[in-house]
Amino acid sequence: MSNDAIVLLREDHREDHKGEIGERMQAVRETAPRPRKAGRSTRIPLMSQPTRPPYPEGVEEQSAIGRQWTFLTNHARVLVQIARDPGIRVRDIATSCLLTERAVQRIIADLEAAGYLSHHRVGRSNVYRVIDGKQLRHPADSGPTLAELLAVLLR
């Protein structure tokens, strides 16, 4: 048998079963559960893992209703901790500011890139230096220097 004859036989075989297969597929489609839309997560969060660090004693958790905000940014909190103790560890900053260590590392990198902070190594640890004469970034806050702001926050 030639290859052309085999191809024709296969096509005839498909034609014979096309209706039967189509009916079976339609039945499966009707009974099968509908697929979920893209972007929806079916994962259930584990209840045993905290989503954020616990609040220290005396600090109330903000309500879940409405927007949550604070007067100081995380950058300001990290800067205040470094101004209090230039040799403080990233782990200690993270604990006192209720942030992750990675978030503190990013904030320190931001502050160094903006020129508000520098550091040098002493053995295996960093010692930070706040650059006091630097002006604040936002045009509305352009009057006081970083030293004046820190003087108020460190009282």
C-alpha atoms as a PDB file:
ATOM      1  CA  MET A   1       0.000   0.000   0.000  1.00  0.00           C
ATOM      2  CA  SER A   2       1.302   3.409  -0.884  1.00  0.00           C
ATOM      3  CA  ASN A   3       1.643   6.337   1.540  1.00  0.00           C
ATOM      4  CA  ASP A   4      -1.169   8.199  -0.256  1.00  0.00           C
ATOM      5  CA  ALA A   5      -3.533   5.284   0.338  1.00  0.00           C
ATOM      6  CA  ILE A   6      -2.638   5.158   4.052  1.00  0.00           C
ATOM      7  CA  VAL A   7      -3.322   8.880   4.421  1.00  0.00           C
ATOM      8  CA  LEU A   8      -6.704   8.501   2.698  1.00  0.00           C
ATOM      9  CA  LEU A   9      -7.635   5.575   4.963  1.00  0.00           C
ATOM     10  CA  ARG A  10      -6.732   7.570   8.062  1.00  0.00           C
ATOM     11  CA  GLU A  11      -8.800  10.536   6.908  1.00  0.00           C
ATOM     12  CA  ASP A  12     -11.779   8.247   6.221  1.00  0.00           C
ATOM     13  CA  HIS A  13     -11.382   6.729   9.705  1.00  0.00           C
ATOM     14  CA  ARG A  14     -11.418  10.211  11.269  1.00  0.00           C
ATOM     15  CA  GLU A  15     -14.525  11.175   9.277  1.00  0.00           C
ATOM     16  CA  ASP A  16     -16.385   8.073  10.548  1.00  0.00           C
ATOM     17  CA  HIS A  17     -15.661   8.835  14.229  1.00  0.00           C
ATOM     18  CA  LYS A  18     -15.869  12.638  14.058  1.00  0.00           C
ATOM     19  CA  GLY A  19     -19.556  12.757  15.002  1.00  0.00           C
ATOM     20  CA  GLU A  20     -19.226  10.215  17.798  1.00  0.00           C
ATOM     21  CA  ILE A  21     -16.160  11.943  19.290  1.00  0.00           C
ATOM     22  CA  GLY A  22     -17.798  15.347  18.998  1.00  0.00           C
ATOM     23  CA  GLU A  23     -20.846  14.116  20.928  1.00  0.00           C
ATOM     24  CA  ARG A  24     -18.668  12.643  23.686  1.00  0.00           C
ATOM     25  CA  MET A  25     -16.622  15.860  23.945  1.00  0.00           C
ATOM     26  CA  GLN A  26     -19.811  17.935  24.221  1.00  0.00           C
ATOM     27  CA  ALA A  27     -21.031  15.707  27.076  1.00  0.00           C
ATOM     28  CA  VAL A  28     -17.707  16.074  28.882  1.00  0.00           C
ATOM     29  CA  ARG A  29     -17.775  19.872  28.464  1.00  0.00           C
ATOM     30  CA  GLU A  30     -21.269  20.081  29.935  1.00  0.00           C
ATOM     31  CA  THR A  31     -20.448  17.998  33.025  1.00  0.00           C
ATOM     32  CA  ALA A  32     -16.899  19.216  33.691  1.00  0.00           C
ATOM     33  CA  PRO A  33     -16.362  22.030  36.223  1.00  0.00           C
ATOM     34  CA  ARG A  34     -15.603  25.409  34.674  1.00  0.00           C
ATOM     35  CA  PRO A  35     -11.972  26.505  34.821  1.00  0.00           C
ATOM     36  CA  ARG A  36     -11.095  29.410  37.143  1.00  0.00           C
ATOM     37  CA  LYS A  37     -10.296  32.776  35.626  1.00  0.00           C
ATOM     38  CA  ALA A  38      -6.643  33.654  35.303  1.00  0.00           C
ATOM     39  CA  GLY A  39      -5.186  35.646  38.176  1.00  0.00           C
ATOM     40  CA  ARG A  40      -7.386  34.166  40.900  1.00  0.00           C
ATOM     41  CA  SER A  41      -5.460  32.319  43.509  1.00  0.00           C
ATOM     42  CA  THR A  42      -6.876  29.109  44.896  1.00  0.00           C
ATOM     43  CA  ARG A  43      -4.268  28.921  47.649  1.00  0.00           C
ATOM     44  CA  ILE A  44      -5.463  29.183  51.205  1.00  0.00           C
ATOM     45  CA  PRO A  45      -3.083  31.088  53.507  1.00  0.00           C
ATOM     46  CA  LEU A  46      -1.680  29.150  56.428  1.00  0.00           C
ATOM     47  CA  MET A  47      -3.100  30.419  59.683  1.00  0.00           C
ATOM     48  CA  SER A  48      -0.037  29.430  61.701  1.00  0.00           C
ATOM     49  CA  GLN A  49       2.238  31.899  59.902  1.00  0.00           C
ATOM     50  CA  PRO A  50       1.912  35.520  61.063  1.00  0.00           C
ATOM     51  CA  THR A  51       1.469  38.000  58.242  1.00  0.00           C
ATOM     52  CA  ARG A  52       3.388  40.726  60.095  1.00  0.00           C
ATOM     53  CA  PRO A  53       5.447  41.016  63.257  1.00  0.00           C
ATOM     54  CA  PRO A  54       3.440  41.206  66.497  1.00  0.00           C
ATOM     55  CA  TYR A  55       2.980  44.636  68.007  1.00  0.00           C
ATOM     56  CA  PRO A  56       4.897  45.380  71.204  1.00  0.00           C
ATOM     57  CA  GLU A  57       3.021  45.768  74.468  1.00  0.00           C
ATOM     58  CA  GLY A  58       1.088  49.012  74.686  1.00  0.00           C
ATOM     59  CA  VAL A  59       0.816  49.503  70.916  1.00  0.00           C
ATOM     60  CA  GLU A  60      -2.639  48.789  69.570  1.00  0.00           C
ATOM     61  CA  GLU A  61      -3.092  47.177  66.194  1.00  0.00           C
ATOM     62  CA  GLN A  62      -4.739  49.490  63.700  1.00  0.00           C
ATOM     63  CA  SER A  63      -8.276  48.569  62.757  1.00  0.00           C
ATOM     64  CA  ALA A  64      -8.864  46.689  59.533  1.00  0.00           C
ATOM     65  CA  ILE A  65     -11.604  49.166  58.640  1.00  0.00           C
ATOM     66  CA  GLY A  66     -10.519  52.106  56.509  1.00  0.00           C
ATOM     67  CA  ARG A  67      -7.065  53.169  55.438  1.00  0.00           C
ATOM     68  CA  GLN A  68      -4.110  52.650  57.714  1.00  0.00           C
ATOM     69  CA  TRP A  69      -1.487  55.367  58.027  1.00  0.00           C
ATOM     70  CA  THR A  70       1.133  56.661  60.437  1.00  0.00           C
ATOM     71  CA  PHE A  71       2.837  59.997  60.962  1.00  0.00           C
ATOM     72  CA  LEU A  72       6.346  58.683  60.294  1.00  0.00           C
ATOM     73  CA  THR A  73       7.498  56.657  57.300  1.00  0.00           C
ATOM     74  CA  ASN A  74       9.583  53.526  57.684  1.00  0.00           C
ATOM     75  CA  HIS A  75      12.535  55.499  56.314  1.00  0.00           C
ATOM     76  CA  ALA A  76      12.172  58.036  59.143  1.00  0.00           C
ATOM     77  CA  ARG A  77      11.910  55.268  61.744  1.00  0.00           C
ATOM     78  CA  VAL A  78      15.084  53.569  60.483  1.00  0.00           C
ATOM     79  CA  LEU A  79      16.933  56.890  60.369  1.00  0.00           C
ATOM     80  CA  VAL A  80      15.932  57.688  63.964  1.00  0.00           C
ATOM     81  CA  GLN A  81      17.188  54.297  65.163  1.00  0.00           C
ATOM     82  CA  ILE A  82      20.518  54.821  63.411  1.00  0.00           C
ATOM     83  CA  ALA A  83      20.818  58.356  64.818  1.00  0.00           C
ATOM     84  CA  ARG A  84      20.280  56.962  68.334  1.00  0.00           C
ATOM     85  CA  ASP A  85      22.908  54.232  67.902  1.00  0.00           C
ATOM     86  CA  PRO A  86      25.245  54.461  64.880  1.00  0.00           C
ATOM     87  CA  GLY A  87      26.528  50.915  65.529  1.00  0.00           C
ATOM     88  CA  ILE A  88      23.087  49.291  65.651  1.00  0.00           C
ATOM     89  CA  ARG A  89      22.581  46.012  63.800  1.00  0.00           C
ATOM     90  CA  VAL A  90      20.061  45.641  60.968  1.00  0.00           C
ATOM     91  CA  ARG A  91      18.342  42.921  62.999  1.00  0.00           C
ATOM     92  CA  ASP A  92      17.869  45.302  65.942  1.00  0.00           C
ATOM     93  CA  ILE A  93      16.526  48.055  63.668  1.00  0.00           C
ATOM     94  CA  ALA A  94      14.067  45.585  62.156  1.00  0.00           C
ATOM     95  CA  THR A  95      12.866  44.488  65.581  1.00  0.00           C
ATOM     96  CA  SER A  96      12.370  47.997  66.923  1.00  0.00           C
ATOM     97  CA  CYS A  97      10.678  49.299  63.742  1.00  0.00           C
ATOM     98  CA  LEU A  98       8.499  46.188  63.217  1.00  0.00           C
ATOM     99  CA  LEU A  99      10.011  45.574  59.770  1.00  0.00           C
ATOM    100  CA  THR A 100      11.794  42.685  58.118  1.00  0.00           C
ATOM    101  CA  GLU A 101      15.570  42.704  57.922  1.00  0.00           C
ATOM    102  CA  ARG A 102      15.364  42.835  54.116  1.00  0.00           C
ATOM    103  CA  ALA A 103      13.102  45.893  54.264  1.00  0.00           C
ATOM    104  CA  VAL A 104      15.591  47.624  56.576  1.00  0.00           C
ATOM    105  CA  GLN A 105      18.432  46.795  54.196  1.00  0.00           C
ATOM    106  CA  ARG A 106      16.495  48.354  51.295  1.00  0.00           C
ATOM    107  CA  ILE A 107      15.710  51.461  53.350  1.00  0.00           C
ATOM    108  CA  ILE A 108      19.357  51.860  54.353  1.00  0.00           C
ATOM    109  CA  ALA A 109      20.366  51.517  50.689  1.00  0.00           C
ATOM    110  CA  ASP A 110      17.756  54.189  49.765  1.00  0.00           C
ATOM    111  CA  LEU A 111      19.044  56.562  52.457  1.00  0.00           C
ATOM    112  CA  GLU A 112      22.649  56.056  51.363  1.00  0.00           C
ATOM    113  CA  ALA A 113      21.776  56.580  47.690  1.00  0.00           C
ATOM    114  CA  ALA A 114      19.955  59.827  48.572  1.00  0.00           C
ATOM    115  CA  GLY A 115      22.944  61.064  50.584  1.00  0.00           C
ATOM    116  CA  TYR A 116      21.345  61.037  54.060  1.00  0.00           C
ATOM    117  CA  LEU A 117      23.483  58.225  55.413  1.00  0.00           C
ATOM    118  CA  SER A 118      26.889  56.633  54.964  1.00  0.00           C
ATOM    119  CA  HIS A 119      28.540  53.637  56.565  1.00  0.00           C
ATOM    120  CA  HIS A 120      31.933  52.063  57.059  1.00  0.00           C
ATOM    121  CA  ARG A 121      32.931  48.598  58.203  1.00  0.00           C
ATOM    122  CA  VAL A 122      34.474  47.959  61.587  1.00  0.00           C
ATOM    123  CA  GLY A 123      35.364  44.309  61.738  1.00  0.00           C
ATOM    124  CA  ARG A 124      32.233  42.375  60.819  1.00  0.00           C
ATOM    125  CA  SER A 125      29.751  45.149  61.544  1.00  0.00           C
ATOM    126  CA  ASN A 126      28.749  48.474  60.023  1.00  0.00           C
ATOM    127  CA  VAL A 127      28.931  51.847  61.693  1.00  0.00           C
ATOM    128  CA  TYR A 128      26.554  54.386  60.191  1.00  0.00           C
ATOM    129  CA  ARG A 129      26.910  58.156  59.968  1.00  0.00           C
ATOM    130  CA  VAL A 130      23.925  60.433  59.495  1.00  0.00           C
ATOM    131  CA  ILE A 131      24.736  63.391  57.236  1.00  0.00           C
ATOM    132  CA  ASP A 132      23.199  66.191  59.316  1.00  0.00           C
ATOM    133  CA  GLY A 133      23.379  69.148  56.923  1.00  0.00           C
ATOM    134  CA  LYS A 134      21.334  67.491  54.182  1.00  0.00           C
ATOM    135  CA  GLN A 135      18.050  69.179  53.234  1.00  0.00           C
ATOM    136  CA  LEU A 136      14.819  67.176  53.206  1.00  0.00           C
ATOM    137  CA  ARG A 137      13.719  65.867  49.818  1.00  0.00           C
ATOM    138  CA  HIS A 138      10.155  67.125  49.425  1.00  0.00           C
ATOM    139  CA  PRO A 139       9.756  70.753  48.291  1.00  0.00           C
ATOM    140  CA  ALA A 140       7.184  71.378  51.033  1.00  0.00           C
ATOM    141  CA  ASP A 141       9.770  70.283  53.638  1.00  0.00           C
ATOM    142  CA  SER A 142      12.717  72.176  52.158  1.00  0.00           C
ATOM    143  CA  GLY A 143      13.236  74.520  55.148  1.00  0.00           C
ATOM    144  CA  PRO A 144      14.662  72.391  57.964  1.00  0.00           C
ATOM    145  CA  THR A 145      17.722  70.194  57.685  1.00  0.00           C
ATOM    146  CA  LEU A 146      17.924  66.553  58.620  1.00  0.00           C
ATOM    147  CA  ALA A 147      19.662  67.492  61.887  1.00  0.00           C
ATOM    148  CA  GLU A 148      16.749  69.748  62.907  1.00  0.00           C
ATOM    149  CA  LEU A 149      14.213  67.019  62.155  1.00  0.00           C
ATOM    150  CA  LEU A 150      16.201  64.414  64.073  1.00  0.00           C
ATOM    151  CA  ALA A 151      16.566  66.797  67.047  1.00  0.00           C
ATOM    152  CA  VAL A 152      12.771  66.889  67.336  1.00  0.00           C
ATOM    153  CA  LEU A 153      12.341  63.136  66.874  1.00  0.00           C
ATOM    154  CA  LEU A 154      15.115  62.170  69.315  1.00  0.00           C
ATOM    155  CA  ARG A 155      13.736  64.157  72.287  1.00  0.00           C
END
